[in-house]
């Protein structure tokens, strides 16, 4: 079904893939993983023909999908046989209604309208988002957008499905739903699936084979048991140890407790905050106080209002009611008092080099310090990339660039909205350890994530949001944290 022979790709003078050869038979589910920036997303674009037809790159070797040569066939021809769900779903959504988005592909195949609607309804139900069919995709949460993008590709009924980090922004119910859909597609239709993932625990039970990439080359090819049971290999490639137990709901993981009010005054207070978009509130009457040195995880299912509340806290979104106060006085100044790392790092990059991106804020405010700049680039592993254009980096590298730019002004509160996108565990741990060091010095951190391991390892307090309201505050229950004390992390 998939035949790749001696594939090499480079963007300008920068090599991305080097002499990659592989064969994937029909009906197989293959996991592709490896360090951030190793070439996984580039391989996905080559498999679907976006390289070389839509993305300029120097290419040698050959790629055949379902008998089609990706260099000879056009993208419209290839799109009927292979579908791609991008890391950032916003880049492939453009309609004003979810129903139209999902129907767009089948409609452009010239199918009869009843068949178009049947495919669209099937795909929406398969991913569990039929209730969103009348919504505008631009107004959905990151996880909901991911589901829409998957449904739009499924509606094309491709022979090969390539998904680039499909679970990165998904909550537990949607992750289970999407993976169940993929299992059914593989079993009933014999579809060939290529999964690119850093979060391995959810996807490993259904993959037949694992490909490990490093520096643009396939360095290992085998079963999950063969490759991921090797601790040293995982450490070298920054991979996570596969989880031993099934995913659980956040409400089952949190041990409620009464918050202890510190003696110091709060850094940021949110009082009876309601907020939303287009005259519709998605956050309702929320009270929250964040203190210096807090490390808080804000968790909950997709669409619960977490990102909206974070934008209010960062001073980027005006609430419809309630007050936000920084140190009891003025509203927070975005970037100076509070900084926020968005789910989509491409929304925050705008300069021509990583170095310029990170130094822009301090230079703009007359606060640039060369020593601190060097330390920040080192902590975020960007020294080797400092002259690269941010838009030409992998999503994980862009994420680290935007985080470094956010931290350059040394704000007192850092908000991270799903920082795991595109990050291997090695880079993610390095970033979070750096933030933890700042946290010990008084910087407050508000982490929004679906990642159990990340939350358990770093958060001091966990806040659960459901349907726009805070419903529980506490910490990870002891029964879920016991294994980690013996270095046997339960949730990875």
Protein backbone atom coordinates (compact mmCIF):
# COMPACT_ATOMS: atom_id res chain seq x y z
CA UNK A 1 0.00 0.00 0.00
CA UNK A 2 2.83 2.41 0.90
CA UNK A 3 6.23 2.09 -0.78
CA UNK A 4 8.98 4.60 0.00
CA UNK A 5 12.39 4.14 -1.59
CA UNK A 6 15.53 6.17 -0.81
CA UNK A 7 13.52 9.27 0.03
CA UNK A 8 15.63 12.34 0.83
CA UNK A 9 14.20 15.83 1.35
CA UNK A 10 15.68 19.16 2.20
CA UNK A 11 14.36 22.70 2.59
CA UNK A 12 16.96 25.00 1.14
CA UNK A 13 20.23 23.85 2.68
CA UNK A 14 18.52 22.16 5.65
CA UNK A 15 18.10 18.36 5.35
CA UNK A 16 14.80 16.98 6.66
CA UNK A 17 14.76 13.31 5.57
CA UNK A 18 17.75 11.20 4.55
CA UNK A 19 17.49 8.00 2.48
CA UNK A 20 14.25 6.77 4.03
CA UNK A 21 12.94 3.45 2.71
CA UNK A 22 9.92 1.60 4.03
CA UNK A 23 7.05 -0.65 3.01
CA UNK A 24 3.66 -0.64 4.77
CA UNK A 25 1.18 -3.31 3.61
CA UNK A 26 -2.53 -2.65 3.29
CA UNK A 27 -4.49 -2.68 6.54
CA UNK A 28 -1.51 -2.13 8.84
CA UNK A 29 -1.49 0.51 11.58
CA UNK A 30 1.98 2.02 12.00
CA UNK A 31 3.19 4.41 14.68
CA UNK A 32 5.91 6.90 13.70
CA UNK A 33 7.64 8.57 16.64
CA UNK A 34 10.91 10.21 17.57
CA UNK A 35 12.37 13.47 18.88
CA UNK A 36 10.85 16.83 18.04
CA UNK A 37 12.20 18.01 14.65
CA UNK A 38 13.35 14.57 13.48
CA UNK A 39 11.28 14.66 10.27
CA UNK A 40 7.99 12.98 11.24
CA UNK A 41 5.68 15.72 9.91
CA UNK A 42 7.83 16.08 6.78
CA UNK A 43 7.37 12.35 6.13
CA UNK A 44 3.59 12.77 6.54
CA UNK A 45 3.53 15.55 3.94
CA UNK A 46 5.60 13.47 1.55
CA UNK A 47 3.24 10.50 1.93
CA UNK A 48 0.26 12.63 0.93
CA UNK A 49 1.90 14.44 -2.00
CA UNK A 50 1.94 17.88 -0.37
CA UNK A 51 5.67 17.51 -0.93
CA UNK A 52 6.59 18.21 -3.71
CA UNK A 53 3.34 19.65 -5.16
CA UNK A 54 2.37 22.26 -2.55
CA UNK A 55 5.49 22.63 -0.41
CA UNK A 56 8.76 23.62 -2.04
CA UNK A 57 11.50 21.12 -1.20
CA UNK A 58 14.35 19.35 -2.95
CA UNK A 59 13.30 15.71 -3.27
CA UNK A 60 15.01 12.54 -4.41
CA UNK A 61 13.78 8.96 -4.26
CA UNK A 62 10.19 7.83 -4.72
CA UNK A 63 6.89 7.54 -2.82
CA UNK A 64 4.00 5.35 -3.98
CA UNK A 65 0.62 5.30 -2.23
CA UNK A 66 -2.03 2.78 -3.27
CA UNK A 67 -0.25 2.38 -6.60
CA UNK A 68 0.00 6.13 -7.25
CA UNK A 69 3.34 7.91 -7.63
CA UNK A 70 3.12 11.07 -5.52
CA UNK A 71 5.44 12.96 -7.91
CA UNK A 72 3.37 12.14 -11.00
CA UNK A 73 -0.21 12.30 -9.72
CA UNK A 74 -1.87 15.58 -8.76
CA UNK A 75 -3.03 16.44 -5.24
CA UNK A 76 -6.75 16.07 -6.20
CA UNK A 77 -6.01 12.56 -7.48
CA UNK A 78 -3.99 11.65 -4.39
CA UNK A 79 -6.60 13.12 -2.01
CA UNK A 80 -9.06 10.39 -3.02
CA UNK A 81 -6.65 7.70 -1.84
CA UNK A 82 -4.78 9.25 1.11
CA UNK A 83 -5.91 11.74 3.75
CA UNK A 84 -3.86 13.83 6.18
CA UNK A 85 -4.89 15.37 9.50
CA UNK A 86 -2.38 18.08 10.40
CA UNK A 87 -0.85 18.78 13.81
CA UNK A 88 -2.65 22.10 13.82
CA UNK A 89 -6.22 21.46 12.64
CA UNK A 90 -6.94 25.17 12.13
CA UNK A 91 -4.79 25.11 9.00
CA UNK A 92 -7.24 22.83 7.18
CA UNK A 93 -10.57 24.31 8.32
CA UNK A 94 -12.11 27.16 6.34
CA UNK A 95 -15.92 26.77 6.25
CA UNK A 96 -18.39 28.63 8.46
CA UNK A 97 -20.29 25.47 9.45
CA UNK A 98 -18.90 22.16 10.68
CA UNK A 99 -21.40 20.28 8.49
CA UNK A 100 -20.15 22.08 5.37
CA UNK A 101 -16.52 21.47 6.36
CA UNK A 102 -17.04 17.72 6.59
CA UNK A 103 -19.13 17.59 3.40
CA UNK A 104 -16.65 19.65 1.35
CA UNK A 105 -14.44 16.77 0.21
CA UNK A 106 -17.17 14.36 -0.91
CA UNK A 107 -19.04 17.22 -2.58
CA UNK A 108 -15.97 18.09 -4.63
CA UNK A 109 -15.75 14.49 -5.82
CA UNK A 110 -18.99 15.15 -7.69
CA UNK A 111 -20.99 12.66 -5.64
CA UNK A 112 -24.79 12.85 -5.50
CA UNK A 113 -26.01 15.02 -2.62
CA UNK A 114 -27.63 12.13 -0.68
CA UNK A 115 -24.27 10.30 -0.75
CA UNK A 116 -22.47 13.48 0.34
CA UNK A 117 -24.80 13.91 3.31
CA UNK A 118 -24.59 10.22 4.21
CA UNK A 119 -20.79 10.36 4.30
CA UNK A 120 -20.77 13.61 6.28
CA UNK A 121 -23.27 12.32 8.85
CA UNK A 122 -21.36 9.05 9.20
CA UNK A 123 -18.07 10.87 9.78
CA UNK A 124 -19.59 13.30 12.30
CA UNK A 125 -21.17 10.46 14.26
CA UNK A 126 -18.04 8.34 14.03
CA UNK A 127 -15.97 11.05 15.74
CA UNK A 128 -18.75 11.93 18.17
CA UNK A 129 -19.36 15.55 17.13
CA UNK A 130 -22.77 15.42 15.44
CA UNK A 131 -23.91 17.97 18.04
CA UNK A 132 -21.44 20.50 16.60
CA UNK A 133 -22.62 20.33 12.97
CA UNK A 134 -24.17 23.84 13.02
CA UNK A 135 -21.23 25.48 14.83
CA UNK A 136 -18.55 27.65 13.24
CA UNK A 137 -15.23 25.74 13.37
CA UNK A 138 -13.37 28.96 14.21
CA UNK A 139 -15.34 29.20 17.46
CA UNK A 140 -14.54 25.68 18.66
CA UNK A 141 -11.90 24.60 21.15
CA UNK A 142 -8.62 23.16 19.90
CA UNK A 143 -9.73 19.62 20.65
CA UNK A 144 -13.08 20.10 18.92
CA UNK A 145 -11.30 21.47 15.84
CA UNK A 146 -9.13 18.35 15.84
CA UNK A 147 -12.26 16.19 15.75
CA UNK A 148 -13.72 18.23 12.88
CA UNK A 149 -10.52 17.85 10.85
CA UNK A 150 -10.52 14.09 11.41
CA UNK A 151 -14.18 13.84 10.39
CA UNK A 152 -13.53 15.86 7.22
CA UNK A 153 -10.78 13.46 6.18
CA UNK A 154 -12.80 10.36 7.09
CA UNK A 155 -15.67 11.54 4.90
CA UNK A 156 -13.39 11.06 1.87
CA UNK A 157 -13.13 7.32 2.72
CA UNK A 158 -9.39 7.18 1.91
CA UNK A 159 -7.40 3.96 1.55
CA UNK A 160 -4.58 5.47 3.63
CA UNK A 161 -5.04 7.78 6.60
CA UNK A 162 -2.10 9.78 7.99
CA UNK A 163 -2.66 11.51 11.32
CA UNK A 164 -0.07 13.92 12.75
CA UNK A 165 -0.51 13.92 16.55
CA UNK A 166 -4.28 13.34 16.48
CA UNK A 167 -4.62 13.04 20.28
CA UNK A 168 -2.45 16.03 21.27
CA UNK A 169 -5.42 18.34 21.95
CA UNK A 170 -8.04 15.73 22.80
CA UNK A 171 -9.63 14.94 26.15
CA UNK A 172 -10.12 11.35 27.32
CA UNK A 173 -13.64 10.84 25.85
CA UNK A 174 -12.66 12.22 22.44
CA UNK A 175 -9.35 10.30 22.44
CA UNK A 176 -11.21 7.06 23.10
CA UNK A 177 -13.79 7.93 20.45
CA UNK A 178 -11.24 8.76 17.76
CA UNK A 179 -9.12 5.67 18.45
CA UNK A 180 -12.23 3.49 18.40
CA UNK A 181 -13.10 4.96 15.01
CA UNK A 182 -9.61 4.17 13.71
CA UNK A 183 -9.87 0.58 14.98
CA UNK A 184 -13.23 0.16 13.25
CA UNK A 185 -11.91 1.64 10.00
CA UNK A 186 -8.96 -0.71 10.05
CA UNK A 187 -11.10 -3.75 10.87
CA UNK A 188 -14.11 -3.10 8.61
CA UNK A 189 -12.60 -1.25 5.65
CA UNK A 190 -9.00 -2.47 5.77
CA UNK A 191 -7.75 1.10 5.83
CA UNK A 192 -4.00 1.66 6.26
CA UNK A 193 -3.18 4.04 9.12
CA UNK A 194 -0.01 6.00 9.85
CA UNK A 195 -0.04 7.62 13.30
CA UNK A 196 2.54 10.23 14.29
CA UNK A 197 2.52 10.62 18.05
CA UNK A 198 4.53 11.61 21.12
CA UNK A 199 1.83 10.54 23.61
CA UNK A 200 2.18 6.80 23.21
CA UNK A 201 0.02 5.26 25.93
CA UNK A 202 -3.33 5.69 24.18
CA UNK A 203 -2.28 4.58 20.69
CA UNK A 204 0.08 1.67 21.38
CA UNK A 205 -2.60 -1.00 21.99
CA UNK A 206 -3.82 -0.71 18.40
CA UNK A 207 -0.59 -0.30 16.42
CA UNK A 208 1.01 -3.24 14.64
CA UNK A 209 4.40 -1.68 14.16
CA UNK A 210 6.61 1.22 15.29
CA UNK A 211 9.05 3.29 13.24
CA UNK A 212 11.58 5.35 15.20
CA UNK A 213 13.01 8.42 13.45
CA UNK A 214 16.07 10.38 14.44
CA UNK A 215 17.70 13.19 12.46
CA UNK A 216 15.67 12.36 9.35
CA UNK A 217 16.48 8.65 9.30
CA UNK A 218 14.61 5.50 10.33
CA UNK A 219 16.78 4.13 13.13
CA UNK A 220 14.50 1.26 14.21
CA UNK A 221 11.52 -0.67 12.81
CA UNK A 222 9.71 -3.32 14.82
CA UNK A 223 6.89 -4.17 17.20
CA UNK A 224 6.02 -1.88 20.13
CA UNK A 225 7.26 -4.51 22.57
CA UNK A 226 10.61 -4.80 20.82
CA UNK A 227 11.35 -1.11 20.51
CA UNK A 228 9.68 0.70 23.40
CA UNK A 229 10.66 -1.71 26.16
CA UNK A 230 14.29 -0.53 25.84
CA UNK A 231 14.79 2.14 28.48
CA UNK A 232 18.06 3.49 27.11
CA UNK A 233 16.63 3.87 23.61
CA UNK A 234 13.62 5.74 25.01
CA UNK A 235 15.93 8.03 26.98
CA UNK A 236 18.09 8.81 23.95
CA UNK A 237 15.10 9.66 21.77
CA UNK A 238 13.09 11.45 24.46
CA UNK A 239 10.24 8.93 24.30
CA UNK A 240 7.71 8.18 26.99
CA UNK A 241 7.44 4.86 28.75
CA UNK A 242 4.16 3.19 27.74
CA UNK A 243 1.45 3.43 30.40
CA UNK A 244 0.34 0.37 32.30
CA UNK A 245 -3.29 1.32 32.89
CA UNK A 246 -6.20 2.74 30.93
CA UNK A 247 -7.01 6.44 30.82
CA UNK A 248 -9.31 7.74 33.54
CA UNK A 249 -11.57 10.77 33.87
CA UNK A 250 -10.10 13.79 35.66
CA UNK A 251 -12.78 13.66 38.35
CA UNK A 252 -11.51 10.18 39.30
CA UNK A 253 -7.91 11.38 39.54
CA UNK A 254 -8.37 14.46 41.70
CA UNK A 255 -8.55 14.35 45.48
CA UNK A 256 -10.63 17.41 46.51
CA UNK A 257 -9.29 19.57 49.31
CA UNK A 258 -9.94 22.95 50.85
CA UNK A 259 -7.58 25.56 49.42
CA UNK A 260 -5.10 27.05 51.88
CA UNK A 261 -4.92 30.84 51.59
CA UNK A 262 -1.31 32.01 51.62
CA UNK A 263 -0.26 34.91 53.81
CA UNK A 264 1.00 36.83 50.76
CA UNK A 265 -1.55 38.76 48.66
CA UNK A 266 -2.64 37.13 45.39
CA UNK A 267 -0.81 37.86 42.17
CA UNK A 268 -3.98 37.70 40.07
CA UNK A 269 -7.63 37.54 41.08
CA UNK A 270 -10.61 36.65 38.93
CA UNK A 271 -13.90 37.62 40.54
CA UNK A 272 -17.20 36.30 39.17
CA UNK A 273 -15.82 36.08 35.63
CA UNK A 274 -18.13 35.27 32.74
CA UNK A 275 -16.74 35.37 29.22
CA UNK A 276 -17.30 34.08 25.72
CA UNK A 277 -17.60 34.99 22.07
CA UNK A 278 -20.31 36.52 19.88
CA UNK A 279 -22.56 37.28 22.86
CA UNK A 280 -22.47 33.68 24.08
CA UNK A 281 -20.72 32.93 27.35
CA UNK A 282 -18.65 29.77 27.65
CA UNK A 283 -17.26 30.67 31.11
CA UNK A 284 -19.74 31.32 33.90
CA UNK A 285 -19.16 33.15 37.21
CA UNK A 286 -15.66 31.85 37.92
CA UNK A 287 -13.69 32.89 40.99
CA UNK A 288 -9.97 32.17 41.04
CA UNK A 289 -6.96 33.51 42.91
CA UNK A 290 -3.39 32.82 41.74
CA UNK A 291 -0.53 33.46 44.17
CA UNK A 292 3.23 33.97 43.64
CA UNK A 293 4.88 30.56 43.35
CA UNK A 294 1.65 28.75 42.43
CA UNK A 295 1.89 25.90 39.92
CA UNK A 296 -1.69 25.19 38.93
CA UNK A 297 -3.07 22.75 36.36
CA UNK A 298 -6.38 23.71 34.77
CA UNK A 299 -7.94 20.53 33.37
CA UNK A 300 -11.21 19.39 31.83
CA UNK A 301 -12.76 18.07 28.64
CA UNK A 302 -12.63 19.83 25.28
CA UNK A 303 -14.93 22.84 25.20
CA UNK A 304 -15.04 23.25 28.99
CA UNK A 305 -13.86 26.88 28.74
CA UNK A 306 -10.22 26.46 29.82
CA UNK A 307 -8.62 28.46 26.99
CA UNK A 308 -11.26 31.19 27.26
CA UNK A 309 -10.60 31.58 30.98
CA UNK A 310 -6.85 31.65 30.29
CA UNK A 311 -7.25 34.47 27.75
CA UNK A 312 -9.21 36.47 30.30
CA UNK A 313 -6.49 35.89 32.92
CA UNK A 314 -3.82 36.99 30.42
CA UNK A 315 -5.65 40.22 29.64
CA UNK A 316 -6.30 39.17 26.04
CA UNK A 317 -10.08 38.79 26.30
CA UNK A 318 -12.43 41.19 28.05
CA UNK A 319 -14.94 39.38 30.27
CA UNK A 320 -18.63 40.03 29.79
CA UNK A 321 -18.95 40.41 33.55
CA UNK A 322 -16.70 40.26 36.59
CA UNK A 323 -13.27 41.75 37.31
CA UNK A 324 -9.65 40.74 36.72
CA UNK A 325 -7.06 42.42 38.89
CA UNK A 326 -3.27 42.11 38.96
CA UNK A 327 -1.86 42.46 42.48
CA UNK A 328 -5.18 43.89 43.59
CA UNK A 329 -4.95 46.95 41.36
CA UNK A 330 -4.82 47.33 37.58
CA UNK A 331 -5.73 44.93 34.84
CA UNK A 332 -2.91 42.57 33.83
CA UNK A 333 -0.60 43.86 31.09
CA UNK A 334 -0.25 41.14 28.43
CA UNK A 335 3.36 40.06 28.03
CA UNK A 336 4.67 42.10 30.98
CA UNK A 337 2.62 40.95 33.97
CA UNK A 338 1.11 37.81 32.42
CA UNK A 339 2.21 35.89 29.33
CA UNK A 340 0.39 33.13 27.49
CA UNK A 341 1.62 30.39 25.18
CA UNK A 342 -1.20 29.62 22.72
CA UNK A 343 -2.20 26.16 21.55
CA UNK A 344 -1.10 27.11 18.03
CA UNK A 345 2.45 28.52 18.12
CA UNK A 346 2.13 29.81 14.54
CA UNK A 347 -0.24 32.49 15.90
CA UNK A 348 2.64 34.04 17.85
CA UNK A 349 5.64 34.03 15.49
CA UNK A 350 6.23 36.93 13.11
CA UNK A 351 9.97 37.67 12.77
CA UNK A 352 12.56 36.24 10.39
CA UNK A 353 14.71 34.29 12.87
CA UNK A 354 14.41 32.46 16.18
CA UNK A 355 16.97 34.79 17.73
CA UNK A 356 15.03 37.88 16.65
CA UNK A 357 11.77 36.36 17.89
CA UNK A 358 13.11 35.73 21.39
CA UNK A 359 14.85 39.10 21.75
CA UNK A 360 11.99 41.17 20.28
CA UNK A 361 10.11 41.81 23.53
CA UNK A 362 13.10 42.74 25.72
CA UNK A 363 14.55 45.00 23.02
CA UNK A 364 11.17 46.67 22.50
CA UNK A 365 11.01 47.55 26.21
CA UNK A 366 14.70 48.34 26.60
CA UNK A 367 15.33 45.31 28.82
CA UNK A 368 17.58 43.15 26.66
CA UNK A 369 20.31 41.27 28.55
CA UNK A 370 22.70 39.19 26.37
CA UNK A 371 23.54 36.76 29.18
CA UNK A 372 19.90 36.07 30.01
CA UNK A 373 19.12 35.76 26.29
CA UNK A 374 21.80 33.08 25.90
CA UNK A 375 20.56 31.22 28.98
CA UNK A 376 17.00 31.22 27.66
CA UNK A 377 18.01 29.89 24.24
CA UNK A 378 20.03 27.17 25.98
CA UNK A 379 17.18 26.17 28.30
CA UNK A 380 14.76 25.84 25.38
CA UNK A 381 17.32 24.03 23.15
CA UNK A 382 17.21 26.73 20.49
CA UNK A 383 20.88 27.67 20.17
CA UNK A 384 21.37 25.55 17.05
CA UNK A 385 18.19 27.00 15.53
CA UNK A 386 18.71 30.67 16.37
CA UNK A 387 19.25 31.76 12.74
CA UNK A 388 16.38 29.66 11.34
CA UNK A 389 13.07 31.21 10.30
CA UNK A 390 10.39 30.20 12.84
CA UNK A 391 7.83 29.44 10.14
CA UNK A 392 10.21 26.84 8.66
CA UNK A 393 10.56 24.90 11.92
CA UNK A 394 8.62 21.89 13.11
CA UNK A 395 5.60 22.59 15.33
CA UNK A 396 7.52 21.41 18.39
CA UNK A 397 10.42 23.75 17.59
CA UNK A 398 7.96 26.60 17.01
CA UNK A 399 6.41 25.83 20.39
CA UNK A 400 9.78 26.17 22.12
CA UNK A 401 10.48 29.40 20.23
CA UNK A 402 7.22 31.02 21.29
CA UNK A 403 7.71 29.87 24.89
CA UNK A 404 11.18 31.43 24.96
CA UNK A 405 9.73 34.66 23.52
CA UNK A 406 7.02 34.61 26.18
CA UNK A 407 9.57 34.13 28.97
CA UNK A 408 12.03 36.75 27.71
CA UNK A 409 10.31 39.61 29.61
CA UNK A 410 10.21 37.58 32.84
CA UNK A 411 6.47 37.92 33.57
CA UNK A 412 5.20 36.99 37.04
CA UNK A 413 2.53 34.62 35.66
CA UNK A 414 3.04 32.18 32.78
CA UNK A 415 0.04 30.49 31.16
CA UNK A 416 0.68 27.42 29.00
CA UNK A 417 -2.21 26.29 26.82
CA UNK A 418 -1.52 22.69 25.74
CA UNK A 419 2.30 22.95 25.52
CA UNK A 420 2.69 19.28 24.52
CA UNK A 421 1.93 19.77 20.80
CA UNK A 422 4.91 18.60 18.76
CA UNK A 423 7.07 17.96 21.85
CA UNK A 424 8.84 14.75 22.68
CA UNK A 425 9.05 13.96 26.38
CA UNK A 426 12.73 14.89 26.57
CA UNK A 427 12.20 18.45 25.30
CA UNK A 428 8.95 18.82 27.22
CA UNK A 429 10.60 17.76 30.47
CA UNK A 430 13.46 20.16 29.86
CA UNK A 431 11.05 23.05 29.30
CA UNK A 432 8.97 22.22 32.35
CA UNK A 433 12.03 21.80 34.56
CA UNK A 434 13.12 25.29 33.50
CA UNK A 435 9.68 26.66 34.38
CA UNK A 436 9.76 24.77 37.67
CA UNK A 437 13.05 26.48 38.51
CA UNK A 438 11.45 29.88 37.84
CA UNK A 439 8.42 28.78 39.82
CA UNK A 440 10.58 28.14 42.88
CA UNK A 441 11.79 31.73 42.53
CA UNK A 442 8.21 33.03 42.68
CA UNK A 443 6.92 32.85 39.08
CA UNK A 444 3.37 31.51 38.98
CA UNK A 445 2.45 28.93 36.33
CA UNK A 446 -1.00 28.04 35.04
CA UNK A 447 -0.83 24.86 32.94
CA UNK A 448 -3.71 23.77 30.69
CA UNK A 449 -3.25 20.18 29.58
CA UNK A 450 -4.85 16.81 28.94
CA UNK A 451 -1.52 15.16 29.75
CA UNK A 452 -1.81 13.17 33.00
CA UNK A 453 1.91 12.70 33.46
CA UNK A 454 2.68 16.37 32.93
CA UNK A 455 0.02 17.47 35.41
CA UNK A 456 0.99 14.91 38.04
CA UNK A 457 4.69 15.61 37.79
CA UNK A 458 4.57 19.42 38.02
CA UNK A 459 1.25 20.78 39.34
CA UNK A 460 0.82 21.60 43.00
CA UNK A 461 -2.90 22.25 42.61
CA UNK A 462 -5.38 20.86 40.07
CA UNK A 463 -8.54 22.73 39.06
CA UNK A 464 -11.26 20.93 37.10
CA UNK A 465 -13.53 22.88 34.74
CA UNK A 466 -16.79 21.47 33.44
CA UNK A 467 -19.18 23.36 31.15
CA UNK A 468 -17.60 26.70 31.90
CA UNK A 469 -17.49 26.38 35.67
CA UNK A 470 -14.90 25.30 38.22
CA UNK A 471 -16.31 22.15 39.80
CA UNK A 472 -13.38 20.74 41.76
CA UNK A 473 -10.08 21.87 43.26
CA UNK A 474 -7.52 19.52 44.76
CA UNK A 475 -4.47 17.41 43.97
CA UNK A 476 -3.76 14.04 42.40
CA UNK A 477 -5.22 11.27 44.52
CA UNK A 478 -2.65 9.23 46.47
CA UNK A 479 -3.74 5.98 44.83
CA UNK A 480 -2.67 7.38 41.44
CA UNK A 481 0.62 8.86 42.64
CA UNK A 482 2.00 5.91 44.60
CA UNK A 483 3.72 4.24 41.66
CA UNK A 484 5.60 7.36 40.66
CA UNK A 485 7.45 7.39 43.98
CA UNK A 486 9.13 4.21 42.83
CA UNK A 487 9.88 5.74 39.41
CA UNK A 488 7.10 3.69 37.81
CA UNK A 489 4.96 6.51 36.44
CA UNK A 490 1.39 5.33 35.99
CA UNK A 491 0.22 7.92 33.46
CA UNK A 492 2.57 8.61 30.61
